[in-house]
PDB file of N, CA and C in Angstrom:
ATOM      1  N   MET A   1      28.698   4.596 130.851  1.00  0.00           N
ATOM      2  CA  MET A   1      28.668   3.990 129.539  1.00  0.00           C
ATOM      3  C   MET A   1      28.293   2.516 129.649  1.00  0.00           C
ATOM      4  N   ASN A   2      28.533   1.937 130.826  1.00  0.00           N
ATOM      5  CA  ASN A   2      28.107   0.553 131.024  1.00  0.00           C
ATOM      6  C   ASN A   2      26.596   0.427 130.868  1.00  0.00           C
ATOM      7  N   HIS A   3      25.839   1.387 131.406  1.00  0.00           N
ATOM      8  CA  HIS A   3      24.380   1.337 131.249  1.00  0.00           C
ATOM      9  C   HIS A   3      23.996   1.342 129.772  1.00  0.00           C
ATOM     10  N   ARG A   4      24.626   2.197 129.017  1.00  0.00           N
ATOM     11  CA  ARG A   4      24.287   2.334 127.601  1.00  0.00           C
ATOM     12  C   ARG A   4      24.529   1.041 126.824  1.00  0.00           C
ATOM     13  N   LEU A   5      25.532   0.281 127.239  1.00  0.00           N
ATOM     14  CA  LEU A   5      25.872  -0.958 126.533  1.00  0.00           C
ATOM     15  C   LEU A   5      25.257  -2.197 127.166  1.00  0.00           C
ATOM     16  N   GLY A   6      24.597  -2.016 128.318  1.00  0.00           N
ATOM     17  CA  GLY A   6      24.036  -3.171 129.000  1.00  0.00           C
ATOM     18  C   GLY A   6      25.088  -4.020 129.685  1.00  0.00           C
ATOM     19  N   THR A   7      26.224  -3.411 130.021  1.00  0.00           N
ATOM     20  CA  THR A   7      27.312  -4.111 130.693  1.00  0.00           C
ATOM     21  C   THR A   7      27.414  -3.608 132.126  1.00  0.00           C
ATOM     22  N   LYS A   8      28.284  -4.199 132.882  1.00  0.00           N
ATOM     23  CA  LYS A   8      28.467  -3.768 134.269  1.00  0.00           C
ATOM     24  C   LYS A   8      29.938  -3.911 134.653  1.00  0.00           C
ATOM     25  N   GLY A   9      30.487  -2.845 135.211  1.00  0.00           N
ATOM     26  CA  GLY A   9      31.830  -2.897 135.762  1.00  0.00           C
ATOM     27  C   GLY A   9      32.975  -2.810 134.775  1.00  0.00           C
ATOM     28  N   LEU A  10      32.691  -2.550 133.495  1.00  0.00           N
ATOM     29  CA  LEU A  10      33.784  -2.439 132.526  1.00  0.00           C
ATOM     30  C   LEU A  10      34.466  -1.081 132.662  1.00  0.00           C
ATOM     31  N   ASN A  11      35.790  -1.068 132.508  1.00  0.00           N
ATOM     32  CA  ASN A  11      36.506   0.206 132.497  1.00  0.00           C
ATOM     33  C   ASN A  11      36.511   0.738 131.055  1.00  0.00           C
ATOM     34  N   LEU A  12      37.069   1.912 130.863  1.00  0.00           N
ATOM     35  CA  LEU A  12      37.001   2.554 129.542  1.00  0.00           C
ATOM     36  C   LEU A  12      37.635   1.724 128.426  1.00  0.00           C
ATOM     37  N   PRO A  13      38.830   1.163 128.615  1.00  0.00           N
ATOM     38  CA  PRO A  13      39.383   0.325 127.541  1.00  0.00           C
ATOM     39  C   PRO A  13      38.488  -0.890 127.236  1.00  0.00           C
ATOM     40  N   GLN A  14      37.913  -1.489 128.264  1.00  0.00           N
ATOM     41  CA  GLN A  14      37.019  -2.632 128.048  1.00  0.00           C
ATOM     42  C   GLN A  14      35.732  -2.204 127.345  1.00  0.00           C
ATOM     43  N   ILE A  15      35.223  -1.040 127.723  1.00  0.00           N
ATOM     44  CA  ILE A  15      34.028  -0.503 127.063  1.00  0.00           C
ATOM     45  C   ILE A  15      34.324  -0.239 125.593  1.00  0.00           C
ATOM     46  N   SER A  16      35.483   0.342 125.312  1.00  0.00           N
ATOM     47  CA  SER A  16      35.879   0.623 123.939  1.00  0.00           C
ATOM     48  C   SER A  16      35.951  -0.662 123.109  1.00  0.00           C
ATOM     49  N   THR A  17      36.532  -1.701 123.687  1.00  0.00           N
ATOM     50  CA  THR A  17      36.633  -2.985 122.988  1.00  0.00           C
ATOM     51  C   THR A  17      35.256  -3.593 122.764  1.00  0.00           C
ATOM     52  N   TYR A  18      34.435  -3.586 123.807  1.00  0.00           N
ATOM     53  CA  TYR A  18      33.079  -4.141 123.719  1.00  0.00           C
ATOM     54  C   TYR A  18      32.267  -3.398 122.655  1.00  0.00           C
ATOM     55  N   ALA A  19      32.370  -2.059 122.654  1.00  0.00           N
ATOM     56  CA  ALA A  19      31.645  -1.255 121.671  1.00  0.00           C
ATOM     57  C   ALA A  19      32.126  -1.570 120.257  1.00  0.00           C
ATOM     58  N   ALA A  20      33.434  -1.669 120.065  1.00  0.00           N
ATOM     59  CA  ALA A  20      33.992  -1.951 118.736  1.00  0.00           C
ATOM     60  C   ALA A  20      33.523  -3.305 118.221  1.00  0.00           C
ATOM     61  N   GLU A  21      33.390  -4.265 119.121  1.00  0.00           N
ATOM     62  CA  GLU A  21      32.893  -5.583 118.725  1.00  0.00           C
ATOM     63  C   GLU A  21      31.447  -5.507 118.220  1.00  0.00           C
ATOM     64  N   ARG A  22      30.742  -4.464 118.598  1.00  0.00           N
ATOM     65  CA  ARG A  22      29.358  -4.250 118.158  1.00  0.00           C
ATOM     66  C   ARG A  22      29.269  -3.157 117.092  1.00  0.00           C
ATOM     67  N   ASN A  23      30.424  -2.855 116.504  1.00  0.00           N
ATOM     68  CA  ASN A  23      30.512  -1.866 115.437  1.00  0.00           C
ATOM     69  C   ASN A  23      30.064  -0.475 115.896  1.00  0.00           C
ATOM     70  N   LEU A  24      30.400  -0.130 117.155  1.00  0.00           N
ATOM     71  CA  LEU A  24      30.088   1.184 117.710  1.00  0.00           C
ATOM     72  C   LEU A  24      31.386   1.880 118.096  1.00  0.00           C
ATOM     73  N   THR A  25      31.386   3.196 117.983  1.00  0.00           N
ATOM     74  CA  THR A  25      32.515   3.987 118.471  1.00  0.00           C
ATOM     75  C   THR A  25      32.175   4.486 119.879  1.00  0.00           C
ATOM     76  N   ILE A  26      33.174   5.001 120.566  1.00  0.00           N
ATOM     77  CA  ILE A  26      32.918   5.611 121.875  1.00  0.00           C
ATOM     78  C   ILE A  26      31.965   6.789 121.708  1.00  0.00           C
ATOM     79  N   ASP A  27      32.100   7.544 120.620  1.00  0.00           N
ATOM     80  CA  ASP A  27      31.166   8.650 120.352  1.00  0.00           C
ATOM     81  C   ASP A  27      29.737   8.133 120.237  1.00  0.00           C
ATOM     82  N   ASP A  28      29.541   6.995 119.572  1.00  0.00           N
ATOM     83  CA  ASP A  28      28.207   6.403 119.460  1.00  0.00           C
ATOM     84  C   ASP A  28      27.639   6.079 120.843  1.00  0.00           C
ATOM     85  N   VAL A  29      28.483   5.504 121.674  1.00  0.00           N
ATOM     86  CA  VAL A  29      28.045   5.116 123.016  1.00  0.00           C
ATOM     87  C   VAL A  29      27.711   6.357 123.845  1.00  0.00           C
ATOM     88  N   MET A  30      28.557   7.364 123.770  1.00  0.00           N
ATOM     89  CA  MET A  30      28.319   8.588 124.541  1.00  0.00           C
ATOM     90  C   MET A  30      27.061   9.314 124.074  1.00  0.00           C
ATOM     91  N   ALA A  31      26.676   9.143 122.822  1.00  0.00           N
ATOM     92  CA  ALA A  31      25.490   9.806 122.278  1.00  0.00           C
ATOM     93  C   ALA A  31      24.190   9.103 122.652  1.00  0.00           C
ATOM     94  N   MET A  32      24.278   7.903 123.216  1.00  0.00           N
ATOM     95  CA  MET A  32      23.060   7.196 123.623  1.00  0.00           C
ATOM     96  C   MET A  32      22.428   7.947 124.789  1.00  0.00           C
ATOM     97  N   PRO A  33      21.111   8.213 124.734  1.00  0.00           N
ATOM     98  CA  PRO A  33      20.464   8.997 125.795  1.00  0.00           C
ATOM     99  C   PRO A  33      20.486   8.299 127.153  1.00  0.00           C
ATOM    100  N   GLU A  34      20.694   9.090 128.170  1.00  0.00           N
ATOM    101  CA  GLU A  34      20.568   8.632 129.552  1.00  0.00           C
ATOM    102  C   GLU A  34      19.099   8.276 129.793  1.00  0.00           C
ATOM    103  N   GLN A  35      18.840   7.232 130.527  1.00  0.00           N
ATOM    104  CA  GLN A  35      17.475   6.795 130.813  1.00  0.00           C
ATOM    105  C   GLN A  35      17.131   7.079 132.278  1.00  0.00           C
ATOM    106  N   ASP A  36      15.935   7.607 132.502  1.00  0.00           N
ATOM    107  CA  ASP A  36      15.527   7.977 133.855  1.00  0.00           C
ATOM    108  C   ASP A  36      15.547   6.804 134.834  1.00  0.00           C
ATOM    109  N   HIS A  37      15.299   5.606 134.360  1.00  0.00           N
ATOM    110  CA  HIS A  37      15.187   4.462 135.263  1.00  0.00           C
ATOM    111  C   HIS A  37      16.537   3.867 135.679  1.00  0.00           C
ATOM    112  N   TRP A  38      17.630   4.346 135.095  1.00  0.00           N
ATOM    113  CA  TRP A  38      18.943   3.813 135.462  1.00  0.00           C
ATOM    114  C   TRP A  38      19.303   4.237 136.883  1.00  0.00           C
ATOM    115  N   THR A  39      19.836   3.296 137.649  1.00  0.00           N
ATOM    116  CA  THR A  39      20.351   3.616 138.974  1.00  0.00           C
ATOM    117  C   THR A  39      21.842   3.309 138.986  1.00  0.00           C
ATOM    118  N   TYR A  40      22.543   3.976 139.857  1.00  0.00           N
ATOM    119  CA  TYR A  40      23.990   3.847 139.944  1.00  0.00           C
ATOM    120  C   TYR A  40      24.391   3.270 141.293  1.00  0.00           C
ATOM    121  N   GLU A  41      25.424   2.452 141.282  1.00  0.00           N
ATOM    122  CA  GLU A  41      25.905   1.793 142.490  1.00  0.00           C
ATOM    123  C   GLU A  41      27.383   2.100 142.691  1.00  0.00           C
ATOM    124  N   GLY A  42      27.836   1.902 143.925  1.00  0.00           N
ATOM    125  CA  GLY A  42      29.250   2.056 144.227  1.00  0.00           C
ATOM    126  C   GLY A  42      29.630   3.429 144.723  1.00  0.00           C
ATOM    127  N   LEU A  43      28.662   4.286 144.923  1.00  0.00           N
ATOM    128  CA  LEU A  43      28.934   5.638 145.408  1.00  0.00           C
ATOM    129  C   LEU A  43      28.207   5.891 146.728  1.00  0.00           C
ATOM    130  N   GLU A  44      28.141   4.863 147.567  1.00  0.00           N
ATOM    131  CA  GLU A  44      27.392   5.004 148.820  1.00  0.00           C
ATOM    132  C   GLU A  44      27.840   6.242 149.564  1.00  0.00           C
ATOM    133  N   PRO A  45      26.999   7.005 150.186  1.00  0.00           N
ATOM    134  CA  PRO A  45      25.567   6.766 150.326  1.00  0.00           C
ATOM    135  C   PRO A  45      24.749   7.368 149.196  1.00  0.00           C
ATOM    136  N   ARG A  46      25.374   7.625 148.053  1.00  0.00           N
ATOM    137  CA  ARG A  46      24.693   8.297 146.948  1.00  0.00           C
ATOM    138  C   ARG A  46      24.196   7.332 145.890  1.00  0.00           C
ATOM    139  N   ASP A  47      24.074   6.064 146.196  1.00  0.00           N
ATOM    140  CA  ASP A  47      23.563   5.099 145.222  1.00  0.00           C
ATOM    141  C   ASP A  47      22.137   5.484 144.827  1.00  0.00           C
ATOM    142  N   GLY A  48      21.763   5.165 143.623  1.00  0.00           N
ATOM    143  CA  GLY A  48      20.397   5.428 143.159  1.00  0.00           C
ATOM    144  C   GLY A  48      20.401   6.242 141.890  1.00  0.00           C
ATOM    145  N   TRP A  49      19.336   7.008 141.707  1.00  0.00           N
ATOM    146  CA  TRP A  49      19.233   7.855 140.516  1.00  0.00           C
ATOM    147  C   TRP A  49      20.287   8.944 140.571  1.00  0.00           C
ATOM    148  N   SER A  50      20.657   9.446 139.407  1.00  0.00           N
ATOM    149  CA  SER A  50      21.663  10.490 139.328  1.00  0.00           C
ATOM    150  C   SER A  50      21.086  11.660 138.537  1.00  0.00           C
ATOM    151  N   TYR A  51      20.647  12.682 139.260  1.00  0.00           N
ATOM    152  CA  TYR A  51      20.048  13.853 138.621  1.00  0.00           C
ATOM    153  C   TYR A  51      20.862  15.102 138.939  1.00  0.00           C
ATOM    154  N   VAL A  52      21.204  15.874 137.912  1.00  0.00           N
ATOM    155  CA  VAL A  52      21.691  17.225 138.139  1.00  0.00           C
ATOM    156  C   VAL A  52      20.453  18.102 138.291  1.00  0.00           C
ATOM    157  N   CYS A  53      20.641  19.361 138.637  1.00  0.00           N
ATOM    158  CA  CYS A  53      19.505  20.231 138.975  1.00  0.00           C
ATOM    159  C   CYS A  53      18.432  20.269 137.890  1.00  0.00           C
ATOM    160  N   SER A  54      18.825  20.446 136.645  1.00  0.00           N
ATOM    161  CA  SER A  54      17.835  20.551 135.567  1.00  0.00           C
ATOM    162  C   SER A  54      17.092  19.230 135.363  1.00  0.00           C
ATOM    163  N   ALA A  55      17.783  18.123 135.493  1.00  0.00           N
ATOM    164  CA  ALA A  55      17.137  16.816 135.363  1.00  0.00           C
ATOM    165  C   ALA A  55      16.157  16.586 136.508  1.00  0.00           C
ATOM    166  N   TYR A  56      16.522  17.043 137.695  1.00  0.00           N
ATOM    167  CA  TYR A  56      15.641  16.898 138.852  1.00  0.00           C
ATOM    168  C   TYR A  56      14.339  17.678 138.638  1.00  0.00           C
ATOM    169  N   VAL A  57      14.451  18.909 138.154  1.00  0.00           N
ATOM    170  CA  VAL A  57      13.271  19.728 137.885  1.00  0.00           C
ATOM    171  C   VAL A  57      12.418  19.078 136.792  1.00  0.00           C
ATOM    172  N   ALA A  58      13.057  18.627 135.723  1.00  0.00           N
ATOM    173  CA  ALA A  58      12.317  17.976 134.633  1.00  0.00           C
ATOM    174  C   ALA A  58      11.633  16.700 135.136  1.00  0.00           C
ATOM    175  N   ALA A  59      12.292  15.956 136.034  1.00  0.00           N
ATOM    176  CA  ALA A  59      11.685  14.747 136.603  1.00  0.00           C
ATOM    177  C   ALA A  59      10.467  15.106 137.455  1.00  0.00           C
ATOM    178  N   ALA A  60      10.551  16.214 138.188  1.00  0.00           N
ATOM    179  CA  ALA A  60       9.401  16.667 138.983  1.00  0.00           C
ATOM    180  C   ALA A  60       8.252  17.061 138.057  1.00  0.00           C
ATOM    181  N   TYR A  61       8.550  17.775 136.980  1.00  0.00           N
ATOM    182  CA  TYR A  61       7.514  18.135 136.001  1.00  0.00           C
ATOM    183  C   TYR A  61       6.901  16.880 135.379  1.00  0.00           C
ATOM    184  N   LYS A  62       7.745  15.923 135.076  1.00  0.00           N
ATOM    185  CA  LYS A  62       7.276  14.664 134.485  1.00  0.00           C
ATOM    186  C   LYS A  62       6.352  13.941 135.470  1.00  0.00           C
ATOM    187  N   ALA A  63       6.770  13.855 136.725  1.00  0.00           N
ATOM    188  CA  ALA A  63       5.964  13.187 137.755  1.00  0.00           C
ATOM    189  C   ALA A  63       4.633  13.911 137.968  1.00  0.00           C
ATOM    190  N   ALA A  64       4.624  15.226 137.773  1.00  0.00           N
ATOM    191  CA  ALA A  64       3.406  16.018 137.937  1.00  0.00           C
ATOM    192  C   ALA A  64       2.498  15.933 136.716  1.00  0.00           C
ATOM    193  N   GLY A  65       2.978  15.298 135.653  1.00  0.00           N
ATOM    194  CA  GLY A  65       2.147  15.126 134.460  1.00  0.00           C
ATOM    195  C   GLY A  65       2.182  16.284 133.488  1.00  0.00           C
ATOM    196  N   LEU A  66       3.136  17.201 133.641  1.00  0.00           N
ATOM    197  CA  LEU A  66       3.167  18.373 132.764  1.00  0.00           C
ATOM    198  C   LEU A  66       3.514  18.045 131.316  1.00  0.00           C
ATOM    199  N   PHE A  67       4.093  16.882 131.073  1.00  0.00           N
ATOM    200  CA  PHE A  67       4.435  16.503 129.704  1.00  0.00           C
ATOM    201  C   PHE A  67       3.330  15.665 129.056  1.00  0.00           C
ATOM    202  N   GLY A  68       2.246  15.441 129.781  1.00  0.00           N
ATOM    203  CA  GLY A  68       1.148  14.637 129.234  1.00  0.00           C
ATOM    204  C   GLY A  68       1.615  13.240 128.889  1.00  0.00           C
ATOM    205  N   ASN A  69       1.282  12.791 127.700  1.00  0.00           N
ATOM    206  CA  ASN A  69       1.660  11.454 127.249  1.00  0.00           C
ATOM    207  C   ASN A  69       2.996  11.417 126.513  1.00  0.00           C
ATOM    208  N   ASP A  70       3.674  12.565 126.430  1.00  0.00           N
ATOM    209  CA  ASP A  70       4.968  12.601 125.744  1.00  0.00           C
ATOM    210  C   ASP A  70       5.990  11.785 126.530  1.00  0.00           C
ATOM    211  N   GLU A  71       6.763  10.995 125.809  1.00  0.00           N
ATOM    212  CA  GLU A  71       7.839  10.221 126.432  1.00  0.00           C
ATOM    213  C   GLU A  71       9.083  11.088 126.468  1.00  0.00           C
ATOM    214  N   ILE A  72       9.526  11.430 127.659  1.00  0.00           N
ATOM    215  CA  ILE A  72      10.746  12.227 127.803  1.00  0.00           C
ATOM    216  C   ILE A  72      11.690  11.535 128.778  1.00  0.00           C
ATOM    217  N   GLN A  73      12.952  11.860 128.672  1.00  0.00           N
ATOM    218  CA  GLN A  73      13.959  11.421 129.633  1.00  0.00           C
ATOM    219  C   GLN A  73      14.429  12.670 130.365  1.00  0.00           C
ATOM    220  N   ALA A  74      14.022  12.814 131.606  1.00  0.00           N
ATOM    221  CA  ALA A  74      14.368  14.009 132.383  1.00  0.00           C
ATOM    222  C   ALA A  74      15.876  14.197 132.476  1.00  0.00           C
ATOM    223  N   THR A  75      16.607  13.097 132.481  1.00  0.00           N
ATOM    224  CA  THR A  75      18.061  13.167 132.606  1.00  0.00           C
ATOM    225  C   THR A  75      18.734  13.817 131.406  1.00  0.00           C
ATOM    226  N   GLU A  76      18.005  14.019 130.338  1.00  0.00           N
ATOM    227  CA  GLU A  76      18.566  14.644 129.140  1.00  0.00           C
ATOM    228  C   GLU A  76      18.333  16.155 129.095  1.00  0.00           C
ATOM    229  N   PHE A  77      17.647  16.709 130.110  1.00  0.00           N
ATOM    230  CA  PHE A  77      17.326  18.130 130.103  1.00  0.00           C
ATOM    231  C   PHE A  77      18.498  18.959 130.621  1.00  0.00           C
ATOM    232  N   THR A  78      18.729  20.088 129.975  1.00  0.00           N
ATOM    233  CA  THR A  78      19.747  21.043 130.402  1.00  0.00           C
ATOM    234  C   THR A  78      19.053  22.184 131.151  1.00  0.00           C
ATOM    235  N   PRO A  79      19.797  23.016 131.873  1.00  0.00           N
ATOM    236  CA  PRO A  79      19.160  24.163 132.517  1.00  0.00           C
ATOM    237  C   PRO A  79      18.392  25.035 131.519  1.00  0.00           C
ATOM    238  N   LYS A  80      18.965  25.256 130.327  1.00  0.00           N
ATOM    239  CA  LYS A  80      18.265  26.076 129.335  1.00  0.00           C
ATOM    240  C   LYS A  80      16.951  25.430 128.912  1.00  0.00           C
ATOM    241  N   ASP A  81      16.938  24.100 128.765  1.00  0.00           N
ATOM    242  CA  ASP A  81      15.699  23.409 128.418  1.00  0.00           C
ATOM    243  C   ASP A  81      14.621  23.694 129.457  1.00  0.00           C
ATOM    244  N   VAL A  82      14.997  23.640 130.722  1.00  0.00           N
ATOM    245  CA  VAL A  82      14.029  23.815 131.805  1.00  0.00           C
ATOM    246  C   VAL A  82      13.468  25.231 131.816  1.00  0.00           C
ATOM    247  N   TYR A  83      14.347  26.241 131.745  1.00  0.00           N
ATOM    248  CA  TYR A  83      13.801  27.601 131.835  1.00  0.00           C
ATOM    249  C   TYR A  83      13.146  28.056 130.534  1.00  0.00           C
ATOM    250  N   ALA A  84      13.407  27.373 129.425  1.00  0.00           N
ATOM    251  CA  ALA A  84      12.776  27.750 128.161  1.00  0.00           C
ATOM    252  C   ALA A  84      11.379  27.151 127.996  1.00  0.00           C
ATOM    253  N   MET A  85      11.051  26.154 128.816  1.00  0.00           N
ATOM    254  CA  MET A  85       9.708  25.569 128.721  1.00  0.00           C
ATOM    255  C   MET A  85       8.673  26.604 129.124  1.00  0.00           C
ATOM    256  N   ASN A  86       7.547  26.560 128.479  1.00  0.00           N
ATOM    257  CA  ASN A  86       6.524  27.572 128.696  1.00  0.00           C
ATOM    258  C   ASN A  86       5.305  26.937 129.368  1.00  0.00           C
ATOM    259  N   PHE A  87       5.509  26.353 130.536  1.00  0.00           N
ATOM    260  CA  PHE A  87       4.420  25.703 131.253  1.00  0.00           C
ATOM    261  C   PHE A  87       3.548  26.682 132.021  1.00  0.00           C
ATOM    262  N   PHE A  88       4.129  27.794 132.409  1.00  0.00           N
ATOM    263  CA  PHE A  88       3.445  28.670 133.354  1.00  0.00           C
ATOM    264  C   PHE A  88       3.049  29.989 132.704  1.00  0.00           C
ATOM    265  N   ASP A  89       1.964  30.557 133.182  1.00  0.00           N
ATOM    266  CA  ASP A  89       1.431  31.818 132.684  1.00  0.00           C
ATOM    267  C   ASP A  89       2.263  32.965 133.257  1.00  0.00           C
ATOM    268  N   ALA A  90       3.027  33.624 132.418  1.00  0.00           N
ATOM    269  CA  ALA A  90       3.889  34.721 132.869  1.00  0.00           C
ATOM    270  C   ALA A  90       3.074  35.932 133.305  1.00  0.00           C
ATOM    271  N   ASN A  91       1.805  36.002 132.917  1.00  0.00           N
ATOM    272  CA  ASN A  91       0.952  37.135 133.262  1.00  0.00           C
ATOM    273  C   ASN A  91      -0.063  36.775 134.347  1.00  0.00           C
ATOM    274  N   PHE A  92       0.211  35.715 135.098  1.00  0.00           N
ATOM    275  CA  PHE A  92      -0.699  35.265 136.145  1.00  0.00           C
ATOM    276  C   PHE A  92      -0.901  36.361 137.182  1.00  0.00           C
ATOM    277  N   LYS A  93      -2.162  36.627 137.517  1.00  0.00           N
ATOM    278  CA  LYS A  93      -2.473  37.623 138.542  1.00  0.00           C
ATOM    279  C   LYS A  93      -2.587  36.897 139.879  1.00  0.00           C
ATOM    280  N   VAL A  94      -1.747  37.282 140.797  1.00  0.00           N
ATOM    281  CA  VAL A  94      -1.724  36.666 142.125  1.00  0.00           C
ATOM    282  C   VAL A  94      -3.018  37.023 142.849  1.00  0.00           C
ATOM    283  N   PRO A  95      -3.724  36.013 143.375  1.00  0.00           N
ATOM    284  CA  PRO A  95      -4.949  36.321 144.140  1.00  0.00           C
ATOM    285  C   PRO A  95      -4.636  37.191 145.355  1.00  0.00           C
ATOM    286  N   GLU A  96      -5.593  37.993 145.761  1.00  0.00           N
ATOM    287  CA  GLU A  96      -5.397  38.895 146.888  1.00  0.00           C
ATOM    288  C   GLU A  96      -4.931  38.163 148.149  1.00  0.00           C
ATOM    289  N   ALA A  97      -5.464  36.970 148.372  1.00  0.00           N
ATOM    290  CA  ALA A  97      -5.089  36.198 149.568  1.00  0.00           C
ATOM    291  C   ALA A  97      -3.618  35.806 149.558  1.00  0.00           C
ATOM    292  N   CYS A  98      -3.010  35.823 148.381  1.00  0.00           N
ATOM    293  CA  CYS A  98      -1.599  35.435 148.250  1.00  0.00           C
ATOM    294  C   CYS A  98      -0.687  36.633 148.003  1.00  0.00           C
ATOM    295  N   ALA A  99      -1.236  37.818 148.047  1.00  0.00           N
ATOM    296  CA  ALA A  99      -0.463  39.021 147.735  1.00  0.00           C
ATOM    297  C   ALA A  99       0.724  39.163 148.672  1.00  0.00           C
ATOM    298  N   LYS A 100       1.726  39.874 148.203  1.00  0.00           N
ATOM    299  CA  LYS A 100       2.965  40.046 148.961  1.00  0.00           C
ATOM    300  C   LYS A 100       2.697  40.624 150.345  1.00  0.00           C
ATOM    301  N   ASP A 101       1.696  41.484 150.481  1.00  0.00           N
ATOM    302  CA  ASP A 101       1.393  42.073 151.775  1.00  0.00           C
ATOM    303  C   ASP A 101       0.960  41.032 152.789  1.00  0.00           C
ATOM    304  N   ASN A 102       0.528  39.861 152.316  1.00  0.00           N
ATOM    305  CA  ASN A 102       0.070  38.803 153.208  1.00  0.00           C
ATOM    306  C   ASN A 102       1.162  37.812 153.559  1.00  0.00           C
ATOM    307  N   ASP A 103       2.373  38.021 153.068  1.00  0.00           N
ATOM    308  CA  ASP A 103       3.489  37.106 153.365  1.00  0.00           C
ATOM    309  C   ASP A 103       3.848  37.156 154.839  1.00  0.00           C
TER     310      ASP A 103
END
């Protein structure tokens, strides 16, 4: 929630006070979208971006250009969002060189 408010190191009561001073509720703060460029500190050796599986896949799709010019935040994707996207041809015919017999 510190990222959402542009603060650093505040605990929940401090975040609540800071938000109230800006006429925001904790619900308002929690509803602010996660941003892909945010990095997290203090969890060494896991410092850096924080992606769950669906966000990681969406970030890979984003990096590959599958969203075109659409502005998306991969960190906001759920597993259902990822598998519901229709990027791939479900009726794709596997070339003979890639057939299962050649595995």
